[in-house]
Amino acid sequence: MPETIKDGQGKGYVAGVTDQFRLKVESKSRPSEEVEAQEGRGFILHAECHLALATNGGLLYFKNADSTKEIVITRIYIDPHILTNTDIIITQIKNPTVVNGTDITTTGIINKNFRNQETLTGALVVSDGSSNMTYSNGSQYHAFPVQSMVSQTRDMKGTNVITPNTNICWGWKTRGGGNAVDGEIISLSINCFTRGITI
């Protein structure tokens, strides 16, 4: 049994075969975020979001308005600035009703990957110093406790998918029922990529 396979075109390329009759191969693995960014499909949704004098509210809202692509969330970076109330939880809500906030869709803040060959079609609204976002209804499916000045990363491993015409909101609430301090900041960065779907 030969231990090499020739390319058959006279170029001298060969492939090895093991003693178990298996082709010798070499593979490399890369994070999906890196691959999608290099292919021009990676995006980052980012904003410095403001808390309000309340027990809960919205931080960042995104609606996928593309009818042919879903958005796959790979990683979430949560970076609280100085927080007076340390009893805060970040929540993630599917299809809530959102009121107020500032629409930053057209500011170009969505596309942080300058290699992108695609656009991210949707609406991006944040709670900022000029308009505090609130939300109601929807289905909560994540709750992340946060601490003042402590950064954290949540690896979603591509399991968090925003399908066409679905909206998602990252909000906050206090566990003990006390008010947060108006204007204090939590920075959110949402790594994601687009993926075509079959309608």
Protein backbone atom coordinates (compact mmCIF):
# COMPACT_ATOMS: atom_id res chain seq x y z
CA MET A 1 0.00 0.00 0.00
CA PRO A 2 1.61 3.33 -1.02
CA GLU A 3 2.22 5.96 1.67
CA THR A 4 1.77 8.92 -0.65
CA ILE A 5 -0.78 10.06 -3.15
CA LYS A 6 0.44 12.03 -6.17
CA ASP A 7 -1.44 14.97 -7.59
CA GLY A 8 -1.75 13.30 -10.99
CA GLN A 9 -0.74 16.44 -12.91
CA GLY A 10 3.03 16.03 -12.77
CA LYS A 11 3.58 18.95 -10.38
CA GLY A 12 5.20 16.80 -7.74
CA TYR A 13 2.60 17.45 -5.04
CA VAL A 14 1.92 14.48 -2.80
CA ALA A 15 -0.33 13.69 0.17
CA GLY A 16 0.61 11.30 2.95
CA VAL A 17 -1.38 8.26 4.08
CA THR A 18 -1.21 6.79 7.58
CA ASP A 19 -0.78 3.13 8.41
CA GLN A 20 -4.49 3.17 9.24
CA PHE A 21 -5.26 4.04 5.59
CA ARG A 22 -6.27 7.60 6.46
CA LEU A 23 -5.20 10.72 4.62
CA LYS A 24 -2.83 12.95 6.56
CA VAL A 25 -4.36 16.40 6.95
CA GLU A 26 -3.51 19.62 8.69
CA SER A 27 -6.17 21.97 9.98
CA LYS A 28 -6.27 25.32 11.73
CA SER A 29 -9.08 26.75 13.79
CA ARG A 30 -10.02 30.42 14.13
CA PRO A 31 -12.73 32.15 16.17
CA SER A 32 -15.93 32.64 14.19
CA GLU A 33 -15.77 36.39 14.89
CA GLU A 34 -12.40 36.61 13.16
CA VAL A 35 -13.59 34.63 10.15
CA GLU A 36 -16.81 36.63 9.75
CA ALA A 37 -14.94 39.93 10.11
CA GLN A 38 -12.43 38.96 7.44
CA GLU A 39 -15.26 37.88 5.16
CA GLY A 40 -16.91 41.28 5.62
CA ARG A 41 -19.92 40.11 7.63
CA GLY A 42 -18.88 41.13 11.16
CA PHE A 43 -20.38 44.07 13.03
CA ILE A 44 -20.29 45.68 16.46
CA LEU A 45 -23.26 47.45 18.02
CA HIS A 46 -21.82 49.85 20.58
CA ALA A 47 -22.99 52.71 22.77
CA GLU A 48 -22.34 54.33 26.12
CA CYS A 49 -25.78 53.90 27.63
CA HIS A 50 -27.22 55.99 30.47
CA LEU A 51 -29.17 54.83 33.49
CA ALA A 52 -32.15 56.80 34.77
CA LEU A 53 -33.62 57.66 38.17
CA ALA A 54 -35.82 54.56 38.18
CA THR A 55 -35.82 50.88 39.13
CA ASN A 56 -35.49 49.70 35.52
CA GLY A 57 -35.10 50.91 31.96
CA GLY A 58 -33.64 50.26 28.54
CA LEU A 59 -30.02 50.59 27.46
CA LEU A 60 -29.74 49.55 23.82
CA TYR A 61 -32.39 48.39 21.35
CA PHE A 62 -31.89 46.83 17.92
CA LYS A 63 -34.39 45.66 15.33
CA ASN A 64 -33.32 43.39 12.48
CA ALA A 65 -35.13 44.89 9.51
CA ASP A 66 -33.50 42.65 6.90
CA SER A 67 -35.96 40.09 5.53
CA THR A 68 -33.25 37.78 4.16
CA LYS A 69 -30.59 37.71 6.91
CA GLU A 70 -30.45 36.79 10.55
CA ILE A 71 -28.00 38.33 12.96
CA VAL A 72 -25.91 36.00 15.09
CA ILE A 73 -24.58 37.42 18.36
CA THR A 74 -21.24 35.95 19.33
CA ARG A 75 -20.10 38.04 22.27
CA ILE A 76 -21.35 40.80 24.57
CA TYR A 77 -19.00 43.21 26.36
CA ILE A 78 -20.47 44.91 29.42
CA ASP A 79 -18.39 47.77 30.82
CA PRO A 80 -19.99 49.67 33.71
CA HIS A 81 -18.49 53.01 34.63
CA ILE A 82 -18.79 54.13 38.27
CA LEU A 83 -22.12 52.88 39.61
CA THR A 84 -23.48 54.21 42.89
CA ASN A 85 -26.13 51.50 43.07
CA THR A 86 -24.32 48.15 42.86
CA ASP A 87 -27.54 46.13 42.79
CA ILE A 88 -28.02 46.31 39.01
CA ILE A 89 -28.74 43.48 36.57
CA ILE A 90 -28.45 43.70 32.78
CA THR A 91 -31.40 42.01 31.09
CA GLN A 92 -31.92 40.85 27.53
CA ILE A 93 -35.46 40.98 26.18
CA LYS A 94 -36.90 39.67 22.92
CA ASN A 95 -39.59 41.71 21.14
CA PRO A 96 -40.30 44.31 23.82
CA THR A 97 -42.25 47.54 23.36
CA VAL A 98 -39.72 50.36 23.62
CA VAL A 99 -40.48 54.01 24.37
CA ASN A 100 -38.06 56.95 23.99
CA GLY A 101 -34.30 56.67 23.61
CA THR A 102 -32.22 58.26 20.86
CA ASP A 103 -32.19 56.74 17.38
CA ILE A 104 -28.55 56.49 16.25
CA THR A 105 -29.18 54.25 13.23
CA THR A 106 -27.82 56.74 10.70
CA THR A 107 -24.74 57.81 12.66
CA GLY A 108 -22.57 55.00 11.28
CA ILE A 109 -21.91 53.72 14.79
CA ILE A 110 -23.23 50.28 13.86
CA ASN A 111 -20.40 49.40 11.50
CA LYS A 112 -17.15 49.27 13.46
CA ASN A 113 -15.53 46.76 11.13
CA PHE A 114 -14.07 48.77 8.29
CA ARG A 115 -13.61 45.67 6.11
CA ASN A 116 -17.36 45.18 5.88
CA GLN A 117 -18.80 44.58 2.47
CA GLU A 118 -22.34 44.45 3.82
CA THR A 119 -24.62 46.80 5.67
CA LEU A 120 -26.56 45.95 8.77
CA THR A 121 -30.18 46.76 8.06
CA GLY A 122 -32.11 47.76 11.13
CA ALA A 123 -32.84 50.34 13.80
CA LEU A 124 -30.49 51.10 16.69
CA VAL A 125 -31.78 53.12 19.64
CA VAL A 126 -29.92 53.91 22.88
CA SER A 127 -30.67 55.47 26.22
CA ASP A 128 -28.48 58.54 26.47
CA GLY A 129 -28.27 61.86 28.24
CA SER A 130 -31.07 63.38 26.20
CA SER A 131 -33.69 60.60 26.28
CA ASN A 132 -34.13 57.73 28.74
CA MET A 133 -35.42 54.51 27.18
CA THR A 134 -38.12 52.40 28.82
CA TYR A 135 -39.50 49.04 27.77
CA SER A 136 -42.43 46.78 28.55
CA ASN A 137 -43.64 43.32 27.58
CA GLY A 138 -41.38 40.99 25.62
CA SER A 139 -39.62 37.83 26.80
CA GLN A 140 -36.60 38.12 29.07
CA TYR A 141 -34.03 35.40 28.48
CA HIS A 142 -30.80 36.63 30.09
CA ALA A 143 -29.92 38.45 33.30
CA PHE A 144 -26.31 39.48 34.01
CA PRO A 145 -25.36 41.05 37.38
CA VAL A 146 -22.90 43.94 37.06
CA GLN A 147 -20.52 45.70 39.41
CA SER A 148 -19.11 49.20 39.35
CA MET A 149 -16.00 49.49 37.15
CA VAL A 150 -15.84 45.72 36.54
CA SER A 151 -15.81 44.69 32.88
CA GLN A 152 -17.23 41.37 31.81
CA THR A 153 -17.56 39.40 28.60
CA ARG A 154 -20.44 37.08 27.82
CA ASP A 155 -19.62 34.50 25.15
CA MET A 156 -22.88 33.64 23.43
CA LYS A 157 -21.17 31.05 21.18
CA GLY A 158 -23.42 31.96 18.25
CA THR A 159 -26.56 30.67 19.99
CA ASN A 160 -28.16 34.11 20.27
CA VAL A 161 -29.87 34.79 16.92
CA ILE A 162 -31.98 37.77 15.88
CA THR A 163 -34.24 36.55 13.08
CA PRO A 164 -35.72 38.92 10.45
CA ASN A 165 -38.18 41.48 11.83
CA THR A 166 -37.27 40.55 15.40
CA ASN A 167 -36.16 43.18 17.89
CA ILE A 168 -34.07 42.82 20.99
CA CYS A 169 -33.41 45.13 23.91
CA TRP A 170 -30.69 45.15 26.52
CA GLY A 171 -32.17 46.72 29.61
CA TRP A 172 -31.42 46.99 33.31
CA LYS A 173 -33.17 46.65 36.64
CA THR A 174 -32.28 46.88 40.31
CA ARG A 175 -32.60 43.74 42.38
CA GLY A 176 -33.55 45.45 45.62
CA GLY A 177 -36.10 47.84 44.15
CA GLY A 178 -34.06 51.00 44.74
CA ASN A 179 -33.48 53.63 42.09
CA ALA A 180 -30.37 53.80 39.93
CA VAL A 181 -28.55 57.12 39.66
CA ASP A 182 -29.57 59.20 36.67
CA GLY A 183 -26.87 59.58 34.03
CA GLU A 184 -24.49 56.87 35.21
CA ILE A 185 -23.08 54.90 32.29
CA ILE A 186 -22.87 51.28 31.21
CA SER A 187 -21.01 50.74 27.94
CA LEU A 188 -22.31 47.89 25.78
CA SER A 189 -20.59 46.32 22.78
CA ILE A 190 -22.40 43.55 20.90
CA ASN A 191 -20.29 41.50 18.50
CA CYS A 192 -22.37 39.92 15.74
CA PHE A 193 -22.41 38.82 12.12
CA THR A 194 -25.02 38.45 9.41
CA ARG A 195 -26.04 35.11 7.95
CA GLY A 196 -28.31 34.51 4.99
CA ILE A 197 -31.42 32.44 5.49
CA THR A 198 -33.67 30.45 3.21
CA ILE A 199 -37.15 31.94 3.04
